[in-house]
């Protein structure tokens, strides 16, 4: 929930929205550790002090929780990508801005990366299709920026570079533990080199 949305809501609605965010954070933590299929809606509720039946005031099912998590992060990445592209600059600056958006994501949302990687297939068809559509839109921003930077590169090769870099960046939860600043430095250097190789 962004600040404008929060201002437009009543205090009661703001409290409910904050509670939903707490539930989503707890669900991401649990699902990252145990996997979607091993986590029950009751487990998520217990993590935030809500009884099983009380969870239904916020989410209709565990699939609903997963859909909201993965749709939200897909929209945030797409919107961050759009903002990076709209700020403009030369092709290298745009590509570096896109890289910054993704590195921010992987440095701050490791649980969501793990859940998305492992449990996207558990989404019902409708939300899964929407997540995939958002992901494609986001990836194509990278492809366009890379082709502008390296016009000799066919689009199919640029797409392969971009998806390989996503694989590199999204592997961050499985890397040895390191301080966030060091993680950002290492991932940015490696991804930048891969895009330009």
N, C-alpha and C. Protein backbone atom coordinates (compact mmCIF):
# COMPACT_ATOMS: atom_id res chain seq x y z
N UNK A 1 0.86 -1.17 0.00
CA UNK A 1 0.00 0.00 0.00
C UNK A 1 0.90 1.23 0.00
N UNK A 2 0.70 2.15 -0.98
CA UNK A 2 1.54 3.34 -1.01
C UNK A 2 0.91 4.44 -0.17
N UNK A 3 1.63 5.57 -0.04
CA UNK A 3 1.20 6.63 0.88
C UNK A 3 -0.12 7.26 0.42
N UNK A 4 -0.30 7.47 -0.89
CA UNK A 4 -1.55 8.06 -1.37
C UNK A 4 -2.75 7.17 -1.04
N UNK A 5 -2.58 5.86 -1.24
CA UNK A 5 -3.67 4.93 -0.91
C UNK A 5 -3.99 4.99 0.57
N UNK A 6 -2.96 5.06 1.41
CA UNK A 6 -3.15 5.08 2.86
C UNK A 6 -3.92 6.32 3.29
N UNK A 7 -3.63 7.49 2.68
CA UNK A 7 -4.31 8.73 3.03
C UNK A 7 -5.79 8.63 2.67
N UNK A 8 -6.12 7.97 1.56
CA UNK A 8 -7.50 7.88 1.10
C UNK A 8 -8.34 6.92 1.94
N UNK A 9 -7.72 6.06 2.74
CA UNK A 9 -8.44 5.07 3.52
C UNK A 9 -8.82 5.62 4.90
N UNK A 10 -9.91 5.09 5.44
CA UNK A 10 -10.29 5.40 6.82
C UNK A 10 -9.26 4.77 7.74
N UNK A 11 -9.18 5.23 9.00
CA UNK A 11 -8.24 4.59 9.94
C UNK A 11 -8.46 3.08 10.07
N UNK A 12 -9.72 2.66 10.08
CA UNK A 12 -10.00 1.22 10.18
C UNK A 12 -9.49 0.48 8.95
N UNK A 13 -9.72 1.05 7.77
CA UNK A 13 -9.24 0.42 6.54
C UNK A 13 -7.71 0.42 6.48
N UNK A 14 -7.09 1.48 7.00
CA UNK A 14 -5.62 1.52 7.05
C UNK A 14 -5.08 0.41 7.94
N UNK A 15 -5.73 0.21 9.09
CA UNK A 15 -5.29 -0.86 10.01
C UNK A 15 -5.44 -2.22 9.35
N UNK A 16 -6.55 -2.43 8.63
CA UNK A 16 -6.75 -3.71 7.95
C UNK A 16 -5.69 -3.91 6.86
N UNK A 17 -5.37 -2.84 6.14
CA UNK A 17 -4.35 -2.94 5.08
C UNK A 17 -2.98 -3.27 5.68
N UNK A 18 -2.66 -2.64 6.81
CA UNK A 18 -1.38 -2.94 7.48
C UNK A 18 -1.35 -4.40 7.93
N UNK A 19 -2.47 -4.88 8.44
CA UNK A 19 -2.55 -6.27 8.89
C UNK A 19 -2.37 -7.22 7.72
N UNK A 20 -2.98 -6.90 6.58
CA UNK A 20 -2.80 -7.73 5.38
C UNK A 20 -1.33 -7.78 4.99
N UNK A 21 -0.65 -6.63 5.07
CA UNK A 21 0.78 -6.60 4.75
C UNK A 21 1.58 -7.49 5.70
N UNK A 22 1.23 -7.46 7.00
CA UNK A 22 1.90 -8.34 7.97
C UNK A 22 1.68 -9.81 7.61
N UNK A 23 0.46 -10.13 7.22
CA UNK A 23 0.14 -11.51 6.84
C UNK A 23 0.96 -11.92 5.62
N UNK A 24 1.05 -11.04 4.63
CA UNK A 24 1.81 -11.36 3.42
C UNK A 24 3.29 -11.55 3.73
N UNK A 25 3.85 -10.72 4.61
CA UNK A 25 5.25 -10.87 5.00
C UNK A 25 5.47 -12.21 5.71
N UNK A 26 4.56 -12.55 6.61
CA UNK A 26 4.69 -13.82 7.33
C UNK A 26 4.55 -14.99 6.37
N UNK A 27 3.61 -14.90 5.44
CA UNK A 27 3.42 -15.97 4.47
C UNK A 27 4.67 -16.15 3.61
N UNK A 28 5.27 -15.05 3.19
CA UNK A 28 6.49 -15.15 2.39
C UNK A 28 7.60 -15.84 3.17
N UNK A 29 7.77 -15.47 4.45
CA UNK A 29 8.80 -16.11 5.28
C UNK A 29 8.56 -17.62 5.39
N UNK A 30 7.32 -18.00 5.72
CA UNK A 30 7.01 -19.41 5.91
C UNK A 30 7.14 -20.20 4.61
N UNK A 31 6.61 -19.65 3.53
CA UNK A 31 6.66 -20.37 2.25
C UNK A 31 8.08 -20.45 1.72
N UNK A 32 8.89 -19.44 1.98
CA UNK A 32 10.29 -19.50 1.54
C UNK A 32 11.02 -20.63 2.25
N UNK A 33 10.72 -20.83 3.53
CA UNK A 33 11.38 -21.88 4.30
C UNK A 33 10.83 -23.27 4.00
N UNK A 34 9.50 -23.38 3.90
CA UNK A 34 8.88 -24.70 3.87
C UNK A 34 8.21 -25.05 2.54
N UNK A 35 7.97 -24.07 1.70
CA UNK A 35 7.26 -24.32 0.46
C UNK A 35 5.77 -24.11 0.61
N UNK A 36 5.13 -23.70 -0.45
CA UNK A 36 3.70 -23.39 -0.44
C UNK A 36 2.87 -24.55 0.08
N UNK A 37 3.14 -25.76 -0.41
CA UNK A 37 2.30 -26.91 -0.07
C UNK A 37 2.43 -27.34 1.38
N UNK A 38 3.52 -26.97 2.04
CA UNK A 38 3.73 -27.37 3.44
C UNK A 38 3.22 -26.33 4.44
N UNK A 39 2.69 -25.23 3.94
CA UNK A 39 2.21 -24.16 4.81
C UNK A 39 0.68 -24.10 4.71
N UNK A 40 0.02 -24.06 5.89
CA UNK A 40 -1.44 -23.94 5.92
C UNK A 40 -1.81 -22.48 6.25
N UNK A 41 -3.01 -22.10 5.89
CA UNK A 41 -3.49 -20.76 6.23
C UNK A 41 -3.43 -20.56 7.75
N UNK A 42 -3.72 -21.60 8.52
CA UNK A 42 -3.63 -21.52 9.99
C UNK A 42 -2.20 -21.22 10.44
N UNK A 43 -1.20 -21.79 9.75
CA UNK A 43 0.20 -21.54 10.10
C UNK A 43 0.53 -20.06 9.93
N UNK A 44 0.05 -19.49 8.82
CA UNK A 44 0.31 -18.07 8.55
C UNK A 44 -0.37 -17.22 9.63
N UNK A 45 -1.61 -17.56 9.96
CA UNK A 45 -2.32 -16.83 11.00
C UNK A 45 -1.59 -16.89 12.33
N UNK A 46 -1.12 -18.07 12.70
CA UNK A 46 -0.41 -18.24 13.97
C UNK A 46 0.84 -17.36 14.01
N UNK A 47 1.47 -17.20 12.88
CA UNK A 47 2.70 -16.39 12.80
C UNK A 47 2.43 -14.92 13.15
N UNK A 48 1.21 -14.45 12.90
CA UNK A 48 0.89 -13.04 13.17
C UNK A 48 -0.17 -12.89 14.26
N UNK A 49 -0.50 -13.99 14.95
CA UNK A 49 -1.42 -13.92 16.07
C UNK A 49 -2.89 -13.83 15.68
N UNK A 50 -3.25 -14.45 14.57
CA UNK A 50 -4.65 -14.47 14.12
C UNK A 50 -5.10 -15.93 14.09
N UNK A 51 -6.27 -16.18 14.62
CA UNK A 51 -6.80 -17.55 14.61
C UNK A 51 -7.09 -17.96 13.17
N UNK A 52 -7.14 -19.27 12.94
CA UNK A 52 -7.44 -19.78 11.60
C UNK A 52 -8.67 -19.16 10.99
N UNK A 53 -9.82 -19.21 11.67
CA UNK A 53 -11.03 -18.61 11.11
C UNK A 53 -10.88 -17.10 10.88
N UNK A 54 -10.11 -16.42 11.73
CA UNK A 54 -9.91 -14.99 11.58
C UNK A 54 -9.18 -14.62 10.30
N UNK A 55 -8.40 -15.55 9.77
CA UNK A 55 -7.67 -15.29 8.53
C UNK A 55 -8.61 -15.02 7.35
N UNK A 56 -9.80 -15.58 7.43
CA UNK A 56 -10.73 -15.42 6.31
C UNK A 56 -11.30 -14.01 6.21
N UNK A 57 -11.06 -13.18 7.21
CA UNK A 57 -11.43 -11.76 7.09
C UNK A 57 -10.47 -11.04 6.15
N UNK A 58 -9.30 -11.64 5.91
CA UNK A 58 -8.27 -10.99 5.10
C UNK A 58 -8.05 -11.69 3.76
N UNK A 59 -8.09 -13.01 3.74
CA UNK A 59 -7.82 -13.78 2.53
C UNK A 59 -8.77 -14.97 2.46
N UNK A 60 -9.23 -15.28 1.27
CA UNK A 60 -10.19 -16.37 1.12
C UNK A 60 -9.53 -17.74 1.13
N UNK A 61 -8.22 -17.79 0.83
CA UNK A 61 -7.53 -19.08 0.76
C UNK A 61 -6.02 -18.84 0.75
N UNK A 62 -5.29 -19.92 0.91
CA UNK A 62 -3.83 -19.85 0.81
C UNK A 62 -3.41 -19.44 -0.60
N UNK A 63 -4.15 -19.91 -1.61
CA UNK A 63 -3.87 -19.54 -3.00
C UNK A 63 -4.04 -18.04 -3.20
N UNK A 64 -5.03 -17.45 -2.51
CA UNK A 64 -5.27 -16.01 -2.57
C UNK A 64 -4.07 -15.25 -2.01
N UNK A 65 -3.50 -15.76 -0.91
CA UNK A 65 -2.31 -15.14 -0.32
C UNK A 65 -1.15 -15.20 -1.32
N UNK A 66 -0.92 -16.35 -1.90
CA UNK A 66 0.17 -16.52 -2.86
C UNK A 66 -0.02 -15.61 -4.06
N UNK A 67 -1.26 -15.55 -4.57
CA UNK A 67 -1.54 -14.70 -5.73
C UNK A 67 -1.25 -13.24 -5.41
N UNK A 68 -1.68 -12.78 -4.26
CA UNK A 68 -1.44 -11.38 -3.92
C UNK A 68 0.06 -11.10 -3.79
N UNK A 69 0.80 -12.01 -3.17
CA UNK A 69 2.25 -11.82 -3.03
C UNK A 69 2.93 -11.70 -4.39
N UNK A 70 2.65 -12.66 -5.26
CA UNK A 70 3.38 -12.72 -6.53
C UNK A 70 2.90 -11.66 -7.52
N UNK A 71 1.62 -11.33 -7.49
CA UNK A 71 1.14 -10.24 -8.34
C UNK A 71 1.72 -8.91 -7.88
N UNK A 72 1.77 -8.71 -6.57
CA UNK A 72 2.31 -7.45 -6.04
C UNK A 72 3.76 -7.26 -6.45
N UNK A 73 4.59 -8.28 -6.26
CA UNK A 73 6.01 -8.08 -6.59
C UNK A 73 6.20 -7.95 -8.10
N UNK A 74 5.40 -8.64 -8.88
CA UNK A 74 5.50 -8.51 -10.34
C UNK A 74 5.10 -7.11 -10.79
N UNK A 75 4.07 -6.56 -10.18
CA UNK A 75 3.65 -5.18 -10.52
C UNK A 75 4.71 -4.17 -10.08
N UNK A 76 5.27 -4.39 -8.88
CA UNK A 76 6.29 -3.44 -8.39
C UNK A 76 7.52 -3.46 -9.29
N UNK A 77 7.95 -4.65 -9.73
CA UNK A 77 9.09 -4.71 -10.65
C UNK A 77 8.76 -4.03 -11.97
N UNK A 78 7.58 -4.33 -12.52
CA UNK A 78 7.18 -3.71 -13.79
C UNK A 78 7.13 -2.19 -13.65
N UNK A 79 6.53 -1.70 -12.57
CA UNK A 79 6.41 -0.26 -12.37
C UNK A 79 7.78 0.38 -12.13
N UNK A 80 8.65 -0.30 -11.39
CA UNK A 80 10.01 0.21 -11.20
C UNK A 80 10.77 0.25 -12.52
N UNK A 81 10.57 -0.77 -13.34
CA UNK A 81 11.19 -0.79 -14.66
C UNK A 81 10.69 0.35 -15.53
N UNK A 82 9.39 0.57 -15.53
CA UNK A 82 8.83 1.68 -16.31
C UNK A 82 9.42 3.01 -15.88
N UNK A 83 9.50 3.22 -14.56
CA UNK A 83 10.05 4.47 -14.04
C UNK A 83 11.51 4.64 -14.48
N UNK A 84 12.27 3.56 -14.45
CA UNK A 84 13.68 3.62 -14.87
C UNK A 84 13.78 4.00 -16.35
N UNK A 85 12.94 3.41 -17.17
CA UNK A 85 12.95 3.71 -18.61
C UNK A 85 12.50 5.14 -18.86
N UNK A 86 11.45 5.57 -18.15
CA UNK A 86 10.91 6.92 -18.37
C UNK A 86 11.86 8.01 -17.92
N UNK A 87 12.74 7.72 -16.95
CA UNK A 87 13.74 8.72 -16.54
C UNK A 87 14.71 9.02 -17.69
N UNK A 88 14.84 8.06 -18.58
CA UNK A 88 15.65 8.28 -19.77
C UNK A 88 17.14 8.21 -19.51
N UNK A 89 17.87 8.81 -20.44
CA UNK A 89 19.32 8.74 -20.40
C UNK A 89 19.81 7.92 -21.58
N UNK A 90 21.11 7.76 -21.66
CA UNK A 90 21.63 6.95 -22.77
C UNK A 90 21.34 5.48 -22.46
N UNK A 91 21.49 4.59 -23.46
CA UNK A 91 21.13 3.19 -23.25
C UNK A 91 21.84 2.53 -22.05
N UNK A 92 23.10 2.88 -21.83
CA UNK A 92 23.82 2.30 -20.68
C UNK A 92 23.20 2.75 -19.37
N UNK A 93 22.81 4.02 -19.29
CA UNK A 93 22.19 4.53 -18.06
C UNK A 93 20.83 3.87 -17.80
N UNK A 94 20.06 3.66 -18.86
CA UNK A 94 18.75 3.01 -18.71
C UNK A 94 18.94 1.58 -18.23
N UNK A 95 19.88 0.86 -18.85
CA UNK A 95 20.13 -0.52 -18.44
C UNK A 95 20.63 -0.58 -17.00
N UNK A 96 21.50 0.34 -16.62
CA UNK A 96 21.98 0.37 -15.23
C UNK A 96 20.85 0.70 -14.26
N UNK A 97 19.92 1.56 -14.67
CA UNK A 97 18.77 1.88 -13.81
C UNK A 97 17.87 0.66 -13.65
N UNK A 98 17.65 -0.08 -14.73
CA UNK A 98 16.87 -1.32 -14.63
C UNK A 98 17.56 -2.32 -13.71
N UNK A 99 18.87 -2.42 -13.85
CA UNK A 99 19.63 -3.32 -12.99
C UNK A 99 19.49 -2.90 -11.53
N UNK A 100 19.52 -1.60 -11.27
CA UNK A 100 19.34 -1.10 -9.92
C UNK A 100 18.00 -1.50 -9.32
N UNK A 101 16.94 -1.44 -10.15
CA UNK A 101 15.61 -1.84 -9.69
C UNK A 101 15.62 -3.30 -9.25
N UNK A 102 16.23 -4.15 -10.07
CA UNK A 102 16.21 -5.58 -9.76
C UNK A 102 17.12 -5.93 -8.58
N UNK A 103 18.26 -5.27 -8.51
CA UNK A 103 19.16 -5.52 -7.38
C UNK A 103 18.49 -5.08 -6.07
N UNK A 104 17.76 -3.96 -6.11
CA UNK A 104 17.01 -3.56 -4.91
C UNK A 104 16.04 -4.66 -4.49
N UNK A 105 15.36 -5.24 -5.46
CA UNK A 105 14.41 -6.32 -5.18
C UNK A 105 15.11 -7.51 -4.55
N UNK A 106 16.18 -7.99 -5.18
CA UNK A 106 16.81 -9.21 -4.66
C UNK A 106 17.50 -8.97 -3.32
N UNK A 107 17.95 -7.74 -3.09
CA UNK A 107 18.63 -7.45 -1.82
C UNK A 107 17.65 -7.31 -0.66
N UNK A 108 16.40 -6.97 -0.96
CA UNK A 108 15.45 -6.68 0.11
C UNK A 108 14.29 -7.68 0.21
N UNK A 109 14.10 -8.53 -0.79
CA UNK A 109 12.95 -9.44 -0.81
C UNK A 109 13.36 -10.90 -1.06
N UNK A 110 14.35 -11.42 -0.33
CA UNK A 110 14.81 -12.78 -0.64
C UNK A 110 13.72 -13.85 -0.47
N UNK A 111 12.81 -13.64 0.48
CA UNK A 111 11.75 -14.63 0.66
C UNK A 111 10.83 -14.69 -0.56
N UNK A 112 10.49 -13.52 -1.08
CA UNK A 112 9.62 -13.49 -2.27
C UNK A 112 10.30 -14.13 -3.48
N UNK A 113 11.60 -13.93 -3.61
CA UNK A 113 12.32 -14.56 -4.72
C UNK A 113 12.20 -16.08 -4.61
N UNK A 114 12.42 -16.59 -3.41
CA UNK A 114 12.34 -18.04 -3.20
C UNK A 114 10.94 -18.57 -3.50
N UNK A 115 9.92 -17.88 -3.02
CA UNK A 115 8.54 -18.32 -3.25
C UNK A 115 8.21 -18.27 -4.73
N UNK A 116 8.59 -17.18 -5.39
CA UNK A 116 8.28 -17.06 -6.82
C UNK A 116 8.97 -18.16 -7.62
N UNK A 117 10.22 -18.42 -7.30
CA UNK A 117 10.97 -19.43 -8.04
C UNK A 117 10.35 -20.81 -7.88
N UNK A 118 9.99 -21.17 -6.66
CA UNK A 118 9.53 -22.52 -6.38
C UNK A 118 8.03 -22.71 -6.57
N UNK A 119 7.22 -21.69 -6.24
CA UNK A 119 5.78 -21.92 -6.09
C UNK A 119 4.89 -21.21 -7.10
N UNK A 120 5.46 -20.58 -8.11
CA UNK A 120 4.63 -19.93 -9.12
C UNK A 120 3.63 -20.91 -9.73
N UNK A 121 4.04 -22.14 -9.93
CA UNK A 121 3.17 -23.15 -10.52
C UNK A 121 1.97 -23.51 -9.66
N UNK A 122 2.00 -23.15 -8.37
CA UNK A 122 0.87 -23.44 -7.48
C UNK A 122 -0.26 -22.42 -7.62
N UNK A 123 0.00 -21.34 -8.35
CA UNK A 123 -1.05 -20.34 -8.55
C UNK A 123 -2.14 -20.89 -9.46
N UNK A 124 -3.39 -20.50 -9.23
CA UNK A 124 -4.44 -20.82 -10.19
C UNK A 124 -4.11 -20.17 -11.55
N UNK A 125 -4.72 -20.69 -12.60
CA UNK A 125 -4.37 -20.28 -13.97
C UNK A 125 -4.49 -18.78 -14.19
N UNK A 126 -5.54 -18.14 -13.71
CA UNK A 126 -5.73 -16.71 -13.96
C UNK A 126 -4.61 -15.85 -13.40
N UNK A 127 -4.35 -15.93 -12.09
CA UNK A 127 -3.25 -15.14 -11.53
C UNK A 127 -1.89 -15.53 -12.10
N UNK A 128 -1.69 -16.82 -12.39
CA UNK A 128 -0.40 -17.25 -12.96
C UNK A 128 -0.19 -16.59 -14.32
N UNK A 129 -1.25 -16.53 -15.13
CA UNK A 129 -1.16 -15.88 -16.44
C UNK A 129 -0.83 -14.39 -16.27
N UNK A 130 -1.46 -13.75 -15.30
CA UNK A 130 -1.21 -12.33 -15.07
C UNK A 130 0.22 -12.09 -14.61
N UNK A 131 0.73 -12.93 -13.71
CA UNK A 131 2.12 -12.80 -13.26
C UNK A 131 3.06 -12.96 -14.45
N UNK A 132 2.84 -13.99 -15.25
CA UNK A 132 3.70 -14.23 -16.42
C UNK A 132 3.66 -13.04 -17.39
N UNK A 133 2.49 -12.46 -17.59
CA UNK A 133 2.35 -11.31 -18.48
C UNK A 133 3.14 -10.11 -17.95
N UNK A 134 3.05 -9.86 -16.64
CA UNK A 134 3.81 -8.77 -16.03
C UNK A 134 5.31 -9.03 -16.14
N UNK A 135 5.72 -10.28 -15.93
CA UNK A 135 7.14 -10.63 -16.05
C UNK A 135 7.65 -10.41 -17.47
N UNK A 136 6.84 -10.81 -18.46
CA UNK A 136 7.26 -10.61 -19.86
C UNK A 136 7.41 -9.12 -20.18
N UNK A 137 6.45 -8.33 -19.71
CA UNK A 137 6.52 -6.88 -19.96
C UNK A 137 7.79 -6.30 -19.35
N UNK A 138 8.09 -6.70 -18.14
CA UNK A 138 9.29 -6.23 -17.45
C UNK A 138 10.55 -6.67 -18.19
N UNK A 139 10.61 -7.93 -18.57
CA UNK A 139 11.79 -8.45 -19.28
C UNK A 139 12.01 -7.73 -20.60
N UNK A 140 10.92 -7.41 -21.30
CA UNK A 140 11.08 -6.74 -22.59
C UNK A 140 11.64 -5.34 -22.45
N UNK A 141 11.42 -4.69 -21.31
CA UNK A 141 12.07 -3.39 -21.08
C UNK A 141 13.59 -3.56 -21.08
N UNK A 142 14.05 -4.62 -20.43
CA UNK A 142 15.48 -4.92 -20.39
C UNK A 142 15.99 -5.25 -21.80
N UNK A 143 15.24 -6.06 -22.53
CA UNK A 143 15.66 -6.45 -23.87
C UNK A 143 15.79 -5.21 -24.75
N UNK A 144 14.79 -4.32 -24.71
CA UNK A 144 14.85 -3.10 -25.51
C UNK A 144 16.06 -2.25 -25.15
N UNK A 145 16.33 -2.12 -23.86
CA UNK A 145 17.48 -1.31 -23.42
C UNK A 145 18.79 -1.95 -23.87
N UNK A 146 18.87 -3.28 -23.78
CA UNK A 146 20.10 -3.97 -24.17
C UNK A 146 20.33 -3.88 -25.68
N UNK A 147 19.28 -3.99 -26.47
CA UNK A 147 19.41 -3.88 -27.93
C UNK A 147 19.83 -2.46 -28.32
N UNK A 148 19.32 -1.46 -27.59
CA UNK A 148 19.76 -0.08 -27.88
C UNK A 148 21.23 0.11 -27.52
N UNK A 149 21.67 -0.54 -26.44
CA UNK A 149 23.08 -0.44 -26.04
C UNK A 149 23.97 -1.22 -27.00
N UNK A 150 23.48 -2.38 -27.43
CA UNK A 150 24.29 -3.26 -28.28
C UNK A 150 23.49 -3.60 -29.55
N UNK A 151 23.42 -2.67 -30.49
CA UNK A 151 22.58 -2.86 -31.68
C UNK A 151 23.00 -4.06 -32.54
N UNK A 152 24.22 -4.53 -32.37
CA UNK A 152 24.66 -5.70 -33.14
C UNK A 152 24.03 -7.00 -32.62
N UNK A 153 23.44 -6.94 -31.44
CA UNK A 153 22.90 -8.12 -30.78
C UNK A 153 21.47 -8.38 -31.27
N UNK A 154 21.21 -9.53 -31.89
CA UNK A 154 19.82 -9.84 -32.28
C UNK A 154 18.93 -9.90 -31.03
N UNK A 155 17.66 -9.57 -31.20
CA UNK A 155 16.72 -9.54 -30.06
C UNK A 155 16.68 -10.88 -29.34
N UNK A 156 16.75 -11.98 -30.08
CA UNK A 156 16.68 -13.30 -29.44
C UNK A 156 17.89 -13.52 -28.52
N UNK A 157 19.06 -13.05 -28.95
CA UNK A 157 20.25 -13.15 -28.10
C UNK A 157 20.15 -12.21 -26.90
N UNK A 158 19.62 -11.01 -27.13
CA UNK A 158 19.44 -10.07 -26.02
C UNK A 158 18.50 -10.66 -24.98
N UNK A 159 17.43 -11.31 -25.45
CA UNK A 159 16.47 -11.94 -24.53
C UNK A 159 17.16 -13.03 -23.71
N UNK A 160 18.03 -13.81 -24.35
CA UNK A 160 18.76 -14.86 -23.63
C UNK A 160 19.68 -14.24 -22.58
N UNK A 161 20.37 -13.15 -22.93
CA UNK A 161 21.23 -12.45 -21.96
C UNK A 161 20.41 -11.99 -20.76
N UNK A 162 19.26 -11.37 -21.03
CA UNK A 162 18.43 -10.81 -19.96
C UNK A 162 17.95 -11.92 -19.03
N UNK A 163 17.46 -13.01 -19.60
CA UNK A 163 16.95 -14.09 -18.74
C UNK A 163 18.08 -14.78 -17.97
N UNK A 164 19.26 -14.86 -18.57
CA UNK A 164 20.40 -15.41 -17.84
C UNK A 164 20.76 -14.50 -16.66
N UNK A 165 20.70 -13.19 -16.87
CA UNK A 165 20.99 -12.24 -15.78
C UNK A 165 19.92 -12.34 -14.70
N UNK A 166 18.66 -12.48 -15.09
CA UNK A 166 17.61 -12.69 -14.09
C UNK A 166 17.91 -13.94 -13.25
N UNK A 167 18.36 -15.01 -13.92
CA UNK A 167 18.71 -16.23 -13.19
C UNK A 167 19.83 -15.97 -12.19
N UNK A 168 20.82 -15.23 -12.63
CA UNK A 168 21.94 -14.88 -11.75
C UNK A 168 21.44 -14.07 -10.55
N UNK A 169 20.69 -13.01 -10.81
CA UNK A 169 20.23 -12.14 -9.74
C UNK A 169 19.28 -12.88 -8.79
N UNK A 170 18.37 -13.65 -9.37
CA UNK A 170 17.36 -14.32 -8.55
C UNK A 170 17.91 -15.52 -7.79
N UNK A 171 19.16 -15.87 -8.05
CA UNK A 171 19.79 -16.95 -7.26
C UNK A 171 20.32 -16.43 -5.93
N UNK A 172 20.18 -15.15 -5.68
CA UNK A 172 20.79 -14.54 -4.49
C UNK A 172 20.38 -15.19 -3.17
N UNK A 173 19.14 -15.70 -2.99
CA UNK A 173 18.85 -16.34 -1.71
C UNK A 173 19.67 -17.61 -1.46
N UNK A 174 20.24 -18.18 -2.50
CA UNK A 174 21.03 -19.41 -2.35
C UNK A 174 22.53 -19.13 -2.28
N UNK A 175 22.92 -17.86 -2.32
CA UNK A 175 24.34 -17.50 -2.21
C UNK A 175 24.78 -17.55 -0.75
N UNK A 176 26.07 -17.66 -0.53
CA UNK A 176 26.56 -17.56 0.85
C UNK A 176 26.11 -16.23 1.46
N UNK A 177 25.86 -16.25 2.75
CA UNK A 177 25.39 -15.05 3.44
C UNK A 177 26.44 -13.95 3.34
N UNK A 178 25.98 -12.74 3.01
CA UNK A 178 26.87 -11.58 2.99
C UNK A 178 26.08 -10.33 3.33
N UNK A 179 26.77 -9.29 3.73
CA UNK A 179 26.12 -8.02 4.05
C UNK A 179 25.41 -7.49 2.81
N UNK A 180 24.32 -6.76 3.05
CA UNK A 180 23.52 -6.27 1.92
C UNK A 180 24.34 -5.43 0.95
N UNK A 181 25.19 -4.54 1.47
CA UNK A 181 25.99 -3.68 0.58
C UNK A 181 26.91 -4.52 -0.29
N UNK A 182 27.49 -5.55 0.28
CA UNK A 182 28.38 -6.43 -0.49
C UNK A 182 27.60 -7.23 -1.51
N UNK A 183 26.42 -7.73 -1.12
CA UNK A 183 25.56 -8.45 -2.05
C UNK A 183 25.21 -7.56 -3.24
N UNK A 184 24.83 -6.33 -2.97
CA UNK A 184 24.49 -5.40 -4.06
C UNK A 184 25.68 -5.18 -4.98
N UNK A 185 26.86 -4.98 -4.38
CA UNK A 185 28.06 -4.72 -5.19
C UNK A 185 28.39 -5.90 -6.08
N UNK A 186 28.38 -7.11 -5.49
CA UNK A 186 28.74 -8.31 -6.24
C UNK A 186 27.73 -8.57 -7.36
N UNK A 187 26.46 -8.53 -7.03
CA UNK A 187 25.44 -8.82 -8.04
C UNK A 187 25.45 -7.78 -9.16
N UNK A 188 25.59 -6.51 -8.81
CA UNK A 188 25.61 -5.47 -9.83
C UNK A 188 26.79 -5.65 -10.77
N UNK A 189 27.96 -5.91 -10.22
CA UNK A 189 29.16 -6.09 -11.06
C UNK A 189 29.02 -7.30 -11.97
N UNK A 190 28.54 -8.42 -11.41
CA UNK A 190 28.41 -9.64 -12.22
C UNK A 190 27.35 -9.48 -13.31
N UNK A 191 26.21 -8.91 -12.96
CA UNK A 191 25.13 -8.75 -13.94
C UNK A 191 25.52 -7.77 -15.02
N UNK A 192 26.15 -6.68 -14.63
CA UNK A 192 26.59 -5.68 -15.61
C UNK A 192 27.58 -6.28 -16.60
N UNK A 193 28.52 -7.05 -16.08
CA UNK A 193 29.50 -7.71 -16.96
C UNK A 193 28.81 -8.71 -17.90
N UNK A 194 27.85 -9.46 -17.38
CA UNK A 194 27.15 -10.44 -18.22
C UNK A 194 26.36 -9.76 -19.33
N UNK A 195 25.71 -8.65 -19.02
CA UNK A 195 24.92 -7.94 -20.04
C UNK A 195 25.81 -7.35 -21.13
N UNK A 196 27.01 -6.98 -20.76
CA UNK A 196 27.89 -6.29 -21.72
C UNK A 196 28.87 -7.23 -22.40
N UNK A 197 28.87 -8.54 -22.03
CA UNK A 197 29.85 -9.45 -22.60
C UNK A 197 29.47 -9.87 -24.00
